Amino acid sequence: MLTKSDRAFFRPKWRRVTATVFCVAWSILEWVSNEPFWAVVAAGFAFYCLWNFFYAYKEE
């Protein structure tokens, strides 16, 4: 689901890790703040990052 320009931007592993950690931290912050809707949204982003950046990502 990543476009060619997305793949080029996220080629360095540190960018993929940073984006994923940010989404996980955002989800935790929302759970702690008692905002379950936004926590689920952020968790969805985190799982999307995990899937696309680590499981389905193909190194070129």
Protein backbone atom coordinates (compact mmCIF):
# COMPACT_ATOMS: atom_id res chain seq x y z
CA MET A 1 0.00 0.00 0.00
CA LEU A 2 3.03 2.29 0.08
CA THR A 3 3.60 4.38 -3.02
CA LYS A 4 6.97 4.62 -4.72
CA SER A 5 7.74 7.94 -3.02
CA ASP A 6 6.69 6.51 0.36
CA ARG A 7 9.04 3.59 -0.08
CA ALA A 8 11.86 5.96 -0.97
CA PHE A 9 11.20 8.10 2.11
CA PHE A 10 10.95 5.13 4.49
CA ARG A 11 13.97 3.27 3.07
CA PRO A 12 16.15 4.10 6.13
CA LYS A 13 15.12 1.77 8.92
CA TRP A 14 15.32 4.49 11.58
CA ARG A 15 12.44 6.37 9.90
CA ARG A 16 10.24 3.28 9.92
CA VAL A 17 11.08 2.60 13.56
CA THR A 18 10.49 6.25 14.54
CA ALA A 19 7.07 6.38 12.87
CA THR A 20 6.00 3.12 14.51
CA VAL A 21 7.23 4.11 17.98
CA PHE A 22 5.46 7.48 17.63
CA CYS A 23 2.15 5.76 16.86
CA VAL A 24 2.55 3.33 19.77
CA ALA A 25 3.39 6.19 22.15
CA TRP A 26 0.42 8.18 20.89
CA SER A 27 -1.86 5.21 21.53
CA ILE A 28 -0.50 4.78 25.06
CA LEU A 29 -0.96 8.48 25.75
CA GLU A 30 -4.58 8.32 24.64
CA TRP A 31 -5.29 5.25 26.79
CA VAL A 32 -3.75 6.97 29.81
CA SER A 33 -5.79 10.11 29.07
CA ASN A 34 -8.96 7.98 29.03
CA GLU A 35 -9.70 8.63 25.35
CA PRO A 36 -10.46 5.14 24.03
CA PHE A 37 -11.63 6.23 20.57
CA TRP A 38 -8.39 8.04 19.74
CA ALA A 39 -6.39 5.27 21.40
CA VAL A 40 -7.92 2.72 19.04
CA VAL A 41 -7.27 5.02 16.07
CA ALA A 42 -3.62 5.43 17.07
CA ALA A 43 -3.29 1.69 17.70
CA GLY A 44 -4.65 1.11 14.20
CA PHE A 45 -1.94 3.40 12.82
CA ALA A 46 0.65 1.50 14.85
CA PHE A 47 -0.49 -1.86 13.51
CA TYR A 48 -0.54 -0.43 9.99
CA CYS A 49 3.06 0.72 10.48
CA LEU A 50 4.09 -2.66 11.85
CA TRP A 51 2.50 -4.45 8.91
CA ASN A 52 3.80 -2.19 6.14
CA PHE A 53 7.20 -1.25 7.53
CA PHE A 54 8.35 -4.58 8.94
CA TYR A 55 6.22 -7.49 7.76
CA ALA A 56 5.39 -6.57 4.15
CA TYR A 57 8.31 -4.20 3.49
CA LYS A 58 10.60 -5.37 0.72
CA GLU A 59 14.16 -4.08 0.74
CA GLU A 60 15.25 -2.99 -2.71
